[in-house]
Amino acid sequence: MSGAGEDGNGLRRMPGDPPREEMLARMVRVNHAGEFGAVRIYQGQLAVLGGRACAPAIRAMAETEQDHLRTFERALVERRVRPTLLHPLWNVAGFVLGAGTALLGEKAAMACTVAVEEVIEEHYADQAETLGDAEPELRRVIESHREDEIEHRDIGLANGADTHPLYPVLSSTIRAGTRLAIWLSTRL
């Protein structure tokens, strides 16, 4: 983070960053939105692939994401942060993304998982770095969730995500969409 400095309370900030409380609110808001979106993606995948061999792995990942979502639902209340205004959109878009990739097959569903989790892992790493020594409990949660997202990515790869013929297109498209969703949910 070139040019970053601490705000006196351990939070790493760049010139022009919003005030501390707004930065923290944005983190909680976007993480809540992301975990909600992940739950909906897995629900969409299970709606299509619920009886297939990959279903137990998808269910296990969905349960982890549901736990993450509960964590950030509590954080919204505790920190008095409103959810993203795009919550209704992510409700539909997440399910459609999950079901749509699942309709392309198990490996395409896993490609979706890999693409989303790679972006989220990077996002959580950036947040942990930004938090520095500030907000040690929030940083611990983010780092713990990041480890789970890496595990989900690895499950997707172990299930042949990168062997799907559309993997390069799916991966780049889903990664770009996930980055856009992060940017929008942080701000709206």
C-alpha atoms as a PDB file:
ATOM      1  CA  MET A   1       0.000   0.000   0.000  1.00  0.00           C
ATOM      2  CA  SER A   2       2.299   2.709  -1.225  1.00  0.00           C
ATOM      3  CA  GLY A   3       1.520   6.108   0.268  1.00  0.00           C
ATOM      4  CA  ALA A   4      -0.552   4.636   3.064  1.00  0.00           C
ATOM      5  CA  GLY A   5      -0.180   5.805   6.611  1.00  0.00           C
ATOM      6  CA  GLU A   6      -1.837   4.941   9.888  1.00  0.00           C
ATOM      7  CA  ASP A   7      -4.573   7.132  11.301  1.00  0.00           C
ATOM      8  CA  GLY A   8      -3.218   7.101  14.844  1.00  0.00           C
ATOM      9  CA  ASN A   9      -5.413   4.145  15.770  1.00  0.00           C
ATOM     10  CA  GLY A  10      -3.674   1.555  13.605  1.00  0.00           C
ATOM     11  CA  LEU A  11      -5.950   1.836  10.539  1.00  0.00           C
ATOM     12  CA  ARG A  12      -3.954   2.178   7.332  1.00  0.00           C
ATOM     13  CA  ARG A  13      -5.353   4.971   5.227  1.00  0.00           C
ATOM     14  CA  MET A  14      -4.619   6.600   1.906  1.00  0.00           C
ATOM     15  CA  PRO A  15      -5.015  10.314   1.192  1.00  0.00           C
ATOM     16  CA  GLY A  16      -8.620  10.881   0.168  1.00  0.00           C
ATOM     17  CA  ASP A  17      -9.953   7.824   1.987  1.00  0.00           C
ATOM     18  CA  PRO A  18     -13.272   8.326   3.767  1.00  0.00           C
ATOM     19  CA  PRO A  19     -13.255   8.916   7.522  1.00  0.00           C
ATOM     20  CA  ARG A  20     -12.387   5.961   9.760  1.00  0.00           C
ATOM     21  CA  GLU A  21     -15.954   5.071  10.755  1.00  0.00           C
ATOM     22  CA  GLU A  22     -17.104   5.177   7.132  1.00  0.00           C
ATOM     23  CA  MET A  23     -14.202   2.924   6.077  1.00  0.00           C
ATOM     24  CA  LEU A  24     -15.152   0.393   8.741  1.00  0.00           C
ATOM     25  CA  ALA A  25     -18.840   0.616   7.827  1.00  0.00           C
ATOM     26  CA  ARG A  26     -17.983   0.014   4.184  1.00  0.00           C
ATOM     27  CA  MET A  27     -15.971  -3.077   5.120  1.00  0.00           C
ATOM     28  CA  VAL A  28     -18.831  -4.554   7.097  1.00  0.00           C
ATOM     29  CA  ARG A  29     -21.374  -3.618   4.405  1.00  0.00           C
ATOM     30  CA  VAL A  30     -19.434  -5.129   1.516  1.00  0.00           C
ATOM     31  CA  ASN A  31     -18.518  -8.262   3.460  1.00  0.00           C
ATOM     32  CA  HIS A  32     -22.154  -8.815   4.392  1.00  0.00           C
ATOM     33  CA  ALA A  33     -23.147  -8.358   0.737  1.00  0.00           C
ATOM     34  CA  GLY A  34     -20.423 -10.737  -0.429  1.00  0.00           C
ATOM     35  CA  GLU A  35     -21.318 -13.481   2.006  1.00  0.00           C
ATOM     36  CA  PHE A  36     -24.998 -13.095   1.111  1.00  0.00           C
ATOM     37  CA  GLY A  37     -24.118 -13.352  -2.576  1.00  0.00           C
ATOM     38  CA  ALA A  38     -22.026 -16.477  -1.928  1.00  0.00           C
ATOM     39  CA  VAL A  39     -24.910 -18.138  -0.092  1.00  0.00           C
ATOM     40  CA  ARG A  40     -27.210 -17.376  -3.020  1.00  0.00           C
ATOM     41  CA  ILE A  41     -24.675 -18.699  -5.564  1.00  0.00           C
ATOM     42  CA  TYR A  42     -24.454 -22.008  -3.722  1.00  0.00           C
ATOM     43  CA  GLN A  43     -28.244 -22.165  -3.387  1.00  0.00           C
ATOM     44  CA  GLY A  44     -28.512 -21.721  -7.157  1.00  0.00           C
ATOM     45  CA  GLN A  45     -25.944 -24.433  -7.762  1.00  0.00           C
ATOM     46  CA  LEU A  46     -27.720 -26.824  -5.427  1.00  0.00           C
ATOM     47  CA  ALA A  47     -31.059 -26.142  -7.119  1.00  0.00           C
ATOM     48  CA  VAL A  48     -29.558 -27.591 -10.287  1.00  0.00           C
ATOM     49  CA  LEU A  49     -26.956 -30.042  -8.961  1.00  0.00           C
ATOM     50  CA  GLY A  50     -28.541 -31.140  -5.679  1.00  0.00           C
ATOM     51  CA  GLY A  51     -28.530 -34.817  -6.597  1.00  0.00           C
ATOM     52  CA  ARG A  52     -25.094 -34.937  -8.231  1.00  0.00           C
ATOM     53  CA  ALA A  53     -21.781 -36.174  -6.842  1.00  0.00           C
ATOM     54  CA  CYS A  54     -20.572 -32.609  -6.189  1.00  0.00           C
ATOM     55  CA  ALA A  55     -23.591 -31.729  -4.010  1.00  0.00           C
ATOM     56  CA  PRO A  56     -21.999 -32.637  -0.642  1.00  0.00           C
ATOM     57  CA  ALA A  57     -19.013 -30.367  -1.355  1.00  0.00           C
ATOM     58  CA  ILE A  58     -21.303 -27.538  -2.442  1.00  0.00           C
ATOM     59  CA  ARG A  59     -23.503 -28.004   0.644  1.00  0.00           C
ATOM     60  CA  ALA A  60     -20.457 -27.878   2.936  1.00  0.00           C
ATOM     61  CA  MET A  61     -19.219 -24.675   1.285  1.00  0.00           C
ATOM     62  CA  ALA A  62     -22.728 -23.202   1.495  1.00  0.00           C
ATOM     63  CA  GLU A  63     -22.865 -23.932   5.229  1.00  0.00           C
ATOM     64  CA  THR A  64     -19.545 -22.163   5.759  1.00  0.00           C
ATOM     65  CA  GLU A  65     -20.783 -19.145   3.805  1.00  0.00           C
ATOM     66  CA  GLN A  66     -23.984 -19.143   5.855  1.00  0.00           C
ATOM     67  CA  ASP A  67     -21.852 -18.977   9.020  1.00  0.00           C
ATOM     68  CA  HIS A  68     -19.904 -16.069   7.511  1.00  0.00           C
ATOM     69  CA  LEU A  69     -23.173 -14.333   6.638  1.00  0.00           C
ATOM     70  CA  ARG A  70     -24.427 -14.681  10.222  1.00  0.00           C
ATOM     71  CA  THR A  71     -21.188 -13.097  11.455  1.00  0.00           C
ATOM     72  CA  PHE A  72     -21.657 -10.060   9.244  1.00  0.00           C
ATOM     73  CA  GLU A  73     -25.391  -9.844   9.973  1.00  0.00           C
ATOM     74  CA  ARG A  74     -24.427  -9.433  13.640  1.00  0.00           C
ATOM     75  CA  ALA A  75     -21.745  -6.901  12.702  1.00  0.00           C
ATOM     76  CA  LEU A  76     -24.298  -4.819  10.786  1.00  0.00           C
ATOM     77  CA  VAL A  77     -26.446  -4.591  13.906  1.00  0.00           C
ATOM     78  CA  GLU A  78     -23.599  -4.103  16.398  1.00  0.00           C
ATOM     79  CA  ARG A  79     -21.960  -1.372  14.327  1.00  0.00           C
ATOM     80  CA  ARG A  80     -25.236   0.154  13.137  1.00  0.00           C
ATOM     81  CA  VAL A  81     -24.326  -0.244   9.477  1.00  0.00           C
ATOM     82  CA  ARG A  82     -27.012  -0.450   6.836  1.00  0.00           C
ATOM     83  CA  PRO A  83     -26.791  -3.258   4.288  1.00  0.00           C
ATOM     84  CA  THR A  84     -26.034  -2.403   0.690  1.00  0.00           C
ATOM     85  CA  LEU A  85     -28.882  -0.873  -1.246  1.00  0.00           C
ATOM     86  CA  LEU A  86     -28.163  -3.560  -3.859  1.00  0.00           C
ATOM     87  CA  HIS A  87     -29.182  -6.414  -1.551  1.00  0.00           C
ATOM     88  CA  PRO A  88     -32.288  -7.287  -3.651  1.00  0.00           C
ATOM     89  CA  LEU A  89     -30.149  -7.378  -6.808  1.00  0.00           C
ATOM     90  CA  TRP A  90     -27.548  -9.662  -5.204  1.00  0.00           C
ATOM     91  CA  ASN A  91     -30.386 -11.932  -4.056  1.00  0.00           C
ATOM     92  CA  VAL A  92     -31.371 -12.592  -7.667  1.00  0.00           C
ATOM     93  CA  ALA A  93     -27.962 -12.236  -9.332  1.00  0.00           C
ATOM     94  CA  GLY A  94     -26.267 -14.655  -6.934  1.00  0.00           C
ATOM     95  CA  PHE A  95     -28.881 -17.356  -7.475  1.00  0.00           C
ATOM     96  CA  VAL A  96     -28.865 -16.858 -11.254  1.00  0.00           C
ATOM     97  CA  LEU A  97     -25.062 -17.022 -11.381  1.00  0.00           C
ATOM     98  CA  GLY A  98     -25.040 -20.220  -9.338  1.00  0.00           C
ATOM     99  CA  ALA A  99     -27.839 -21.910 -11.278  1.00  0.00           C
ATOM    100  CA  GLY A 100     -26.544 -20.674 -14.622  1.00  0.00           C
ATOM    101  CA  THR A 101     -23.054 -22.038 -14.140  1.00  0.00           C
ATOM    102  CA  ALA A 102     -24.471 -25.270 -12.720  1.00  0.00           C
ATOM    103  CA  LEU A 103     -26.544 -25.697 -15.892  1.00  0.00           C
ATOM    104  CA  LEU A 104     -23.214 -25.789 -17.749  1.00  0.00           C
ATOM    105  CA  GLY A 105     -22.150 -28.719 -15.573  1.00  0.00           C
ATOM    106  CA  GLU A 106     -20.388 -29.523 -12.314  1.00  0.00           C
ATOM    107  CA  LYS A 107     -16.999 -28.246 -13.504  1.00  0.00           C
ATOM    108  CA  ALA A 108     -18.535 -24.933 -14.589  1.00  0.00           C
ATOM    109  CA  ALA A 109     -20.145 -24.562 -11.159  1.00  0.00           C
ATOM    110  CA  MET A 110     -16.734 -25.207  -9.614  1.00  0.00           C
ATOM    111  CA  ALA A 111     -15.188 -22.680 -12.016  1.00  0.00           C
ATOM    112  CA  CYS A 112     -17.640 -20.126 -10.630  1.00  0.00           C
ATOM    113  CA  THR A 113     -16.543 -21.002  -7.105  1.00  0.00           C
ATOM    114  CA  VAL A 114     -12.860 -20.645  -7.988  1.00  0.00           C
ATOM    115  CA  ALA A 115     -13.332 -17.286  -9.708  1.00  0.00           C
ATOM    116  CA  VAL A 116     -15.431 -15.774  -6.914  1.00  0.00           C
ATOM    117  CA  GLU A 117     -13.243 -17.123  -4.114  1.00  0.00           C
ATOM    118  CA  GLU A 118     -10.021 -15.877  -5.734  1.00  0.00           C
ATOM    119  CA  VAL A 119     -11.387 -12.342  -5.802  1.00  0.00           C
ATOM    120  CA  ILE A 120     -12.795 -12.573  -2.269  1.00  0.00           C
ATOM    121  CA  GLU A 121      -9.509 -13.943  -0.930  1.00  0.00           C
ATOM    122  CA  GLU A 122      -7.681 -10.929  -2.405  1.00  0.00           C
ATOM    123  CA  HIS A 123     -10.378  -8.590  -1.082  1.00  0.00           C
ATOM    124  CA  TYR A 124     -10.099  -9.987   2.455  1.00  0.00           C
ATOM    125  CA  ALA A 125      -6.285  -9.816   2.323  1.00  0.00           C
ATOM    126  CA  ASP A 126      -6.501  -6.128   1.353  1.00  0.00           C
ATOM    127  CA  GLN A 127      -8.958  -5.451   4.176  1.00  0.00           C
ATOM    128  CA  ALA A 128      -6.744  -7.197   6.734  1.00  0.00           C
ATOM    129  CA  GLU A 129      -3.782  -5.111   5.585  1.00  0.00           C
ATOM    130  CA  THR A 130      -5.844  -1.917   5.762  1.00  0.00           C
ATOM    131  CA  LEU A 131      -6.960  -2.746   9.296  1.00  0.00           C
ATOM    132  CA  GLY A 132      -3.375  -3.152  10.454  1.00  0.00           C
ATOM    133  CA  ASP A 133      -3.451  -3.136  14.250  1.00  0.00           C
ATOM    134  CA  ALA A 134      -6.838  -1.410  14.353  1.00  0.00           C
ATOM    135  CA  GLU A 135      -9.959  -3.457  15.045  1.00  0.00           C
ATOM    136  CA  PRO A 136      -8.204  -6.720  16.001  1.00  0.00           C
ATOM    137  CA  GLU A 137     -11.473  -8.678  16.298  1.00  0.00           C
ATOM    138  CA  LEU A 138     -12.700  -7.604  12.846  1.00  0.00           C
ATOM    139  CA  ARG A 139      -9.287  -8.414  11.389  1.00  0.00           C
ATOM    140  CA  ARG A 140      -9.348 -11.872  13.033  1.00  0.00           C
ATOM    141  CA  VAL A 141     -12.788 -12.572  11.526  1.00  0.00           C
ATOM    142  CA  ILE A 142     -11.688 -11.405   8.086  1.00  0.00           C
ATOM    143  CA  GLU A 143      -8.512 -13.494   8.210  1.00  0.00           C
ATOM    144  CA  SER A 144     -10.466 -16.559   9.344  1.00  0.00           C
ATOM    145  CA  HIS A 145     -13.031 -16.107   6.572  1.00  0.00           C
ATOM    146  CA  ARG A 146     -10.190 -15.622   4.081  1.00  0.00           C
ATOM    147  CA  GLU A 147      -8.798 -19.031   5.010  1.00  0.00           C
ATOM    148  CA  ASP A 148     -12.211 -20.576   4.332  1.00  0.00           C
ATOM    149  CA  GLU A 149     -12.415 -18.857   0.935  1.00  0.00           C
ATOM    150  CA  ILE A 150      -8.989 -20.236  -0.004  1.00  0.00           C
ATOM    151  CA  GLU A 151     -10.210 -23.694   1.000  1.00  0.00           C
ATOM    152  CA  HIS A 152     -13.298 -23.273  -1.211  1.00  0.00           C
ATOM    153  CA  ARG A 153     -11.124 -22.212  -4.150  1.00  0.00           C
ATOM    154  CA  ASP A 154      -8.982 -25.296  -3.628  1.00  0.00           C
ATOM    155  CA  ILE A 155     -12.088 -27.527  -3.520  1.00  0.00           C
ATOM    156  CA  GLY A 156     -13.202 -26.065  -6.834  1.00  0.00           C
ATOM    157  CA  LEU A 157      -9.823 -26.722  -8.404  1.00  0.00           C
ATOM    158  CA  ALA A 158      -9.724 -30.253  -6.983  1.00  0.00           C
ATOM    159  CA  ASN A 159     -13.101 -30.847  -8.641  1.00  0.00           C
ATOM    160  CA  GLY A 160     -11.842 -29.924 -12.089  1.00  0.00           C
ATOM    161  CA  ALA A 161     -12.891 -26.280 -12.358  1.00  0.00           C
ATOM    162  CA  ASP A 162      -9.926 -25.389 -14.544  1.00  0.00           C
ATOM    163  CA  THR A 163     -10.565 -28.316 -16.915  1.00  0.00           C
ATOM    164  CA  HIS A 164     -13.922 -26.996 -18.145  1.00  0.00           C
ATOM    165  CA  PRO A 165     -13.530 -25.840 -21.758  1.00  0.00           C
ATOM    166  CA  LEU A 166     -15.068 -22.443 -20.918  1.00  0.00           C
ATOM    167  CA  TYR A 167     -12.902 -21.949 -17.816  1.00  0.00           C
ATOM    168  CA  PRO A 168     -10.911 -18.973 -19.162  1.00  0.00           C
ATOM    169  CA  VAL A 169     -14.069 -17.126 -20.224  1.00  0.00           C
ATOM    170  CA  LEU A 170     -16.060 -18.046 -17.120  1.00  0.00           C
ATOM    171  CA  SER A 171     -13.184 -17.173 -14.821  1.00  0.00           C
ATOM    172  CA  SER A 172     -12.413 -13.759 -16.297  1.00  0.00           C
ATOM    173  CA  THR A 173     -16.090 -12.793 -16.591  1.00  0.00           C
ATOM    174  CA  ILE A 174     -17.016 -13.894 -13.069  1.00  0.00           C
ATOM    175  CA  ARG A 175     -13.899 -12.307 -11.565  1.00  0.00           C
ATOM    176  CA  ALA A 176     -14.726  -8.984 -13.255  1.00  0.00           C
ATOM    177  CA  GLY A 177     -18.343  -9.195 -12.098  1.00  0.00           C
ATOM    178  CA  THR A 178     -17.271  -9.981  -8.551  1.00  0.00           C
ATOM    179  CA  ARG A 179     -14.905  -7.001  -8.489  1.00  0.00           C
ATOM    180  CA  LEU A 180     -17.711  -4.761  -9.762  1.00  0.00           C
ATOM    181  CA  ALA A 181     -20.098  -6.124  -7.106  1.00  0.00           C
ATOM    182  CA  ILE A 182     -17.501  -5.356  -4.428  1.00  0.00           C
ATOM    183  CA  TRP A 183     -16.993  -1.815  -5.688  1.00  0.00           C
ATOM    184  CA  LEU A 184     -20.728  -1.132  -5.884  1.00  0.00           C
ATOM    185  CA  SER A 185     -21.605  -2.741  -2.544  1.00  0.00           C
ATOM    186  CA  THR A 186     -18.889  -0.792  -0.777  1.00  0.00           C
ATOM    187  CA  ARG A 187     -20.390   2.479  -1.932  1.00  0.00           C
ATOM    188  CA  LEU A 188     -24.141   1.864  -2.201  1.00  0.00           C
END
